[in-house]
N, C-alpha and C. Protein backbone atom coordinates (compact mmCIF):
# COMPACT_ATOMS: atom_id res chain seq x y z
N MET A 1 -5.06 12.11 19.32
CA MET A 1 -4.46 10.79 19.25
C MET A 1 -2.95 10.94 19.09
N THR A 2 -2.21 10.19 19.87
CA THR A 2 -0.75 10.26 19.80
C THR A 2 -0.22 9.40 18.65
N ARG A 3 1.03 9.60 18.33
CA ARG A 3 1.68 8.81 17.28
C ARG A 3 1.63 7.33 17.60
N ASP A 4 1.92 6.96 18.84
CA ASP A 4 1.92 5.54 19.24
C ASP A 4 0.52 4.94 19.14
N GLU A 5 -0.49 5.69 19.56
CA GLU A 5 -1.87 5.21 19.46
C GLU A 5 -2.26 5.02 17.99
N PHE A 6 -1.79 5.92 17.14
CA PHE A 6 -2.08 5.82 15.72
C PHE A 6 -1.53 4.52 15.14
N PHE A 7 -0.30 4.17 15.49
CA PHE A 7 0.32 2.98 14.92
C PHE A 7 -0.20 1.68 15.53
N GLU A 8 -0.99 1.75 16.59
CA GLU A 8 -1.64 0.57 17.13
C GLU A 8 -2.88 0.18 16.32
N LEU A 9 -3.39 1.12 15.52
CA LEU A 9 -4.55 0.85 14.69
C LEU A 9 -4.16 0.04 13.46
N ASP A 10 -5.11 -0.73 12.93
CA ASP A 10 -4.84 -1.38 11.65
C ASP A 10 -4.93 -0.32 10.55
N ALA A 11 -4.49 -0.64 9.35
CA ALA A 11 -4.38 0.36 8.29
C ALA A 11 -5.73 0.99 7.94
N ALA A 12 -6.79 0.19 7.89
CA ALA A 12 -8.10 0.74 7.53
C ALA A 12 -8.59 1.72 8.59
N ALA A 13 -8.44 1.36 9.86
CA ALA A 13 -8.87 2.25 10.95
C ALA A 13 -8.02 3.51 10.99
N ALA A 14 -6.73 3.37 10.71
CA ALA A 14 -5.84 4.53 10.70
C ALA A 14 -6.21 5.48 9.57
N ALA A 15 -6.54 4.94 8.40
CA ALA A 15 -6.95 5.78 7.28
C ALA A 15 -8.25 6.51 7.63
N ASP A 16 -9.18 5.82 8.27
CA ASP A 16 -10.43 6.46 8.69
C ASP A 16 -10.16 7.61 9.66
N GLU A 17 -9.23 7.38 10.59
CA GLU A 17 -8.86 8.42 11.56
C GLU A 17 -8.29 9.65 10.85
N LEU A 18 -7.43 9.43 9.87
CA LEU A 18 -6.84 10.54 9.12
C LEU A 18 -7.90 11.26 8.29
N ASN A 19 -8.84 10.52 7.73
CA ASN A 19 -9.89 11.13 6.90
C ASN A 19 -10.82 12.01 7.72
N LYS A 20 -10.92 11.78 9.01
CA LYS A 20 -11.73 12.67 9.86
C LYS A 20 -11.19 14.10 9.81
N GLY A 21 -9.88 14.22 9.78
CA GLY A 21 -9.27 15.54 9.67
C GLY A 21 -9.52 16.19 8.32
N ILE A 22 -9.45 15.38 7.26
CA ILE A 22 -9.72 15.89 5.91
C ILE A 22 -11.16 16.38 5.83
N GLU A 23 -12.09 15.59 6.39
CA GLU A 23 -13.51 15.97 6.38
C GLU A 23 -13.76 17.24 7.19
N ALA A 24 -12.91 17.48 8.18
CA ALA A 24 -13.04 18.69 9.00
C ALA A 24 -12.43 19.92 8.33
N GLY A 25 -11.86 19.72 7.12
CA GLY A 25 -11.33 20.85 6.37
C GLY A 25 -9.83 21.06 6.48
N GLN A 26 -9.13 20.14 7.14
CA GLN A 26 -7.67 20.26 7.24
C GLN A 26 -7.01 19.78 5.95
N SER A 27 -5.80 20.27 5.71
CA SER A 27 -5.02 19.78 4.58
C SER A 27 -4.32 18.48 5.00
N LYS A 28 -3.78 17.79 4.01
CA LYS A 28 -3.04 16.56 4.29
C LYS A 28 -1.92 16.82 5.28
N ASP A 29 -1.15 17.87 5.05
CA ASP A 29 -0.02 18.18 5.93
C ASP A 29 -0.47 18.49 7.35
N GLU A 30 -1.60 19.19 7.49
CA GLU A 30 -2.12 19.50 8.82
C GLU A 30 -2.55 18.23 9.56
N VAL A 31 -3.18 17.32 8.82
CA VAL A 31 -3.62 16.05 9.43
C VAL A 31 -2.41 15.25 9.91
N LEU A 32 -1.39 15.17 9.07
CA LEU A 32 -0.18 14.42 9.45
C LEU A 32 0.49 15.05 10.66
N ALA A 33 0.56 16.37 10.69
CA ALA A 33 1.19 17.08 11.81
C ALA A 33 0.41 16.85 13.10
N ASP A 34 -0.93 16.84 13.01
CA ASP A 34 -1.75 16.60 14.20
C ASP A 34 -1.49 15.23 14.82
N HIS A 35 -1.14 14.27 13.99
CA HIS A 35 -0.89 12.91 14.48
C HIS A 35 0.60 12.64 14.70
N GLY A 36 1.44 13.60 14.36
CA GLY A 36 2.88 13.45 14.56
C GLY A 36 3.52 12.42 13.65
N ILE A 37 2.97 12.27 12.45
CA ILE A 37 3.51 11.29 11.51
C ILE A 37 3.98 11.97 10.23
N THR A 38 4.76 11.25 9.45
CA THR A 38 5.31 11.78 8.20
C THR A 38 4.81 10.94 7.03
N GLN A 39 5.11 11.40 5.84
CA GLN A 39 4.75 10.64 4.64
C GLN A 39 5.42 9.26 4.65
N ALA A 40 6.65 9.19 5.11
CA ALA A 40 7.34 7.90 5.19
C ALA A 40 6.62 6.94 6.13
N ASP A 41 6.08 7.47 7.23
CA ASP A 41 5.31 6.64 8.16
C ASP A 41 4.08 6.06 7.47
N LEU A 42 3.44 6.88 6.63
CA LEU A 42 2.26 6.40 5.92
C LEU A 42 2.60 5.24 4.99
N MET A 43 3.72 5.36 4.30
CA MET A 43 4.12 4.30 3.38
C MET A 43 4.37 3.00 4.13
N LYS A 44 5.01 3.09 5.27
CA LYS A 44 5.26 1.89 6.08
C LYS A 44 3.97 1.26 6.56
N ALA A 45 2.96 2.09 6.81
CA ALA A 45 1.68 1.61 7.31
C ALA A 45 0.75 1.19 6.17
N GLN A 46 1.21 1.28 4.91
CA GLN A 46 0.41 0.93 3.75
C GLN A 46 -0.83 1.82 3.63
N ILE A 47 -0.65 3.12 3.91
CA ILE A 47 -1.72 4.09 3.77
C ILE A 47 -1.29 5.10 2.70
N PHE A 48 -2.21 5.39 1.78
CA PHE A 48 -1.88 6.25 0.66
C PHE A 48 -2.88 7.39 0.59
N PHE A 49 -2.44 8.54 0.08
CA PHE A 49 -3.31 9.70 -0.10
C PHE A 49 -3.64 9.79 -1.58
N VAL A 50 -4.90 9.48 -1.92
CA VAL A 50 -5.32 9.42 -3.32
C VAL A 50 -6.60 10.24 -3.50
N LYS A 51 -6.57 11.14 -4.46
CA LYS A 51 -7.74 11.95 -4.80
C LYS A 51 -8.38 12.61 -3.58
N GLY A 52 -7.55 13.17 -2.72
CA GLY A 52 -8.03 13.95 -1.60
C GLY A 52 -8.47 13.19 -0.38
N LYS A 53 -8.15 11.88 -0.32
CA LYS A 53 -8.48 11.13 0.88
C LYS A 53 -7.43 10.05 1.12
N PHE A 54 -7.39 9.56 2.35
CA PHE A 54 -6.47 8.50 2.72
C PHE A 54 -7.14 7.16 2.49
N ILE A 55 -6.41 6.22 1.89
CA ILE A 55 -6.93 4.87 1.72
C ILE A 55 -5.88 3.87 2.19
N ALA A 56 -6.35 2.75 2.66
CA ALA A 56 -5.45 1.72 3.19
C ALA A 56 -5.19 0.65 2.14
N ARG A 57 -3.94 0.27 2.00
CA ARG A 57 -3.52 -0.82 1.13
C ARG A 57 -4.16 -0.74 -0.26
N ALA A 58 -3.90 0.35 -0.92
CA ALA A 58 -4.50 0.58 -2.23
C ALA A 58 -4.16 -0.51 -3.23
N TRP A 59 -2.95 -1.02 -3.16
CA TRP A 59 -2.52 -2.03 -4.12
C TRP A 59 -2.14 -3.32 -3.43
N GLY A 60 -2.73 -3.60 -2.30
CA GLY A 60 -2.39 -4.79 -1.52
C GLY A 60 -2.51 -6.09 -2.28
N GLY A 61 -3.46 -6.20 -3.17
CA GLY A 61 -3.66 -7.43 -3.91
C GLY A 61 -2.57 -7.71 -4.92
N TYR A 62 -1.76 -6.72 -5.22
CA TYR A 62 -0.73 -6.89 -6.23
C TYR A 62 0.66 -7.03 -5.64
N THR A 63 0.77 -7.21 -4.36
CA THR A 63 2.08 -7.26 -3.74
C THR A 63 2.56 -8.68 -3.48
N SER A 64 1.75 -9.67 -3.77
CA SER A 64 2.12 -11.06 -3.50
C SER A 64 2.96 -11.63 -4.65
N THR A 65 3.92 -12.45 -4.31
CA THR A 65 4.72 -13.12 -5.33
C THR A 65 4.30 -14.57 -5.52
N LYS A 66 3.25 -15.00 -4.82
CA LYS A 66 2.77 -16.37 -4.96
C LYS A 66 1.99 -16.53 -6.25
N ARG A 67 2.09 -17.71 -6.83
CA ARG A 67 1.34 -18.01 -8.04
C ARG A 67 -0.15 -18.11 -7.71
N THR A 68 -0.99 -17.57 -8.58
CA THR A 68 -2.43 -17.62 -8.37
C THR A 68 -3.12 -18.59 -9.30
N GLY A 69 -2.45 -18.99 -10.39
CA GLY A 69 -3.06 -19.85 -11.38
C GLY A 69 -3.67 -19.06 -12.52
N ASN A 70 -3.66 -17.74 -12.42
CA ASN A 70 -4.23 -16.89 -13.46
C ASN A 70 -3.18 -16.38 -14.44
N GLU A 71 -1.98 -16.86 -14.35
CA GLU A 71 -0.91 -16.38 -15.20
C GLU A 71 -1.08 -16.98 -16.60
N ALA A 72 -1.40 -16.15 -17.58
CA ALA A 72 -1.66 -16.62 -18.94
C ALA A 72 -0.42 -17.23 -19.56
N GLY A 73 -0.51 -18.47 -20.00
CA GLY A 73 0.60 -19.13 -20.67
C GLY A 73 1.77 -19.42 -19.75
N ASP A 74 1.56 -19.35 -18.46
CA ASP A 74 2.65 -19.53 -17.49
C ASP A 74 2.83 -21.02 -17.17
N THR A 75 4.06 -21.40 -17.01
CA THR A 75 4.39 -22.76 -16.59
C THR A 75 5.30 -22.65 -15.37
N GLU A 76 5.67 -23.76 -14.82
CA GLU A 76 6.57 -23.74 -13.67
C GLU A 76 7.94 -23.17 -14.04
N THR A 77 8.32 -23.26 -15.32
CA THR A 77 9.63 -22.75 -15.71
C THR A 77 9.60 -21.28 -16.08
N GLY A 78 8.44 -20.77 -16.46
CA GLY A 78 8.37 -19.35 -16.79
C GLY A 78 7.19 -19.02 -17.67
N VAL A 79 6.97 -17.77 -17.91
CA VAL A 79 5.84 -17.31 -18.71
C VAL A 79 6.05 -17.67 -20.16
N GLY A 80 5.05 -18.30 -20.77
CA GLY A 80 5.09 -18.60 -22.20
C GLY A 80 6.23 -19.50 -22.61
N GLY A 81 6.66 -20.40 -21.75
CA GLY A 81 7.73 -21.31 -22.10
C GLY A 81 9.12 -20.72 -21.94
N SER A 82 9.23 -19.53 -21.39
CA SER A 82 10.56 -18.95 -21.18
C SER A 82 11.26 -19.70 -20.05
N ASP A 83 12.57 -19.62 -20.03
CA ASP A 83 13.35 -20.30 -19.02
C ASP A 83 14.05 -19.27 -18.15
N PRO A 84 13.50 -18.99 -16.93
CA PRO A 84 14.09 -17.95 -16.09
C PRO A 84 15.50 -18.25 -15.64
N SER A 85 15.93 -19.50 -15.71
CA SER A 85 17.29 -19.82 -15.29
C SER A 85 18.33 -19.26 -16.25
N LYS A 86 17.89 -18.91 -17.46
CA LYS A 86 18.81 -18.36 -18.47
C LYS A 86 18.81 -16.84 -18.48
N GLY A 87 18.07 -16.24 -17.55
CA GLY A 87 18.03 -14.78 -17.50
C GLY A 87 17.35 -14.21 -18.70
N PHE A 88 17.85 -13.06 -19.19
CA PHE A 88 17.25 -12.38 -20.32
C PHE A 88 17.27 -13.24 -21.58
N ALA A 89 18.29 -14.08 -21.74
CA ALA A 89 18.42 -14.91 -22.93
C ALA A 89 17.36 -16.01 -22.97
N GLY A 90 16.71 -16.30 -21.84
CA GLY A 90 15.71 -17.36 -21.79
C GLY A 90 14.34 -16.93 -22.25
N ILE A 91 14.20 -15.67 -22.65
CA ILE A 91 12.88 -15.16 -23.05
C ILE A 91 12.56 -15.58 -24.46
């Protein structure tokens, strides 16, 4: 698989493709070299190497800045009545 073909895959499929090399006994560096990609490319693609395997979007659920409603003691002005407009002094 070429580098361009690799980046056409979604993150989950790309991680599966990389894991095929790990399962075949290659090291992480060998797998990356076979696909012509670098560690920086993996980060951009939201693929991480954890505990000996590649996983896609390991922390994807924590990257949103939208309010979920689960913020304990949170109000529209800030957490626990703090006032974010005052910066550090508003805590």
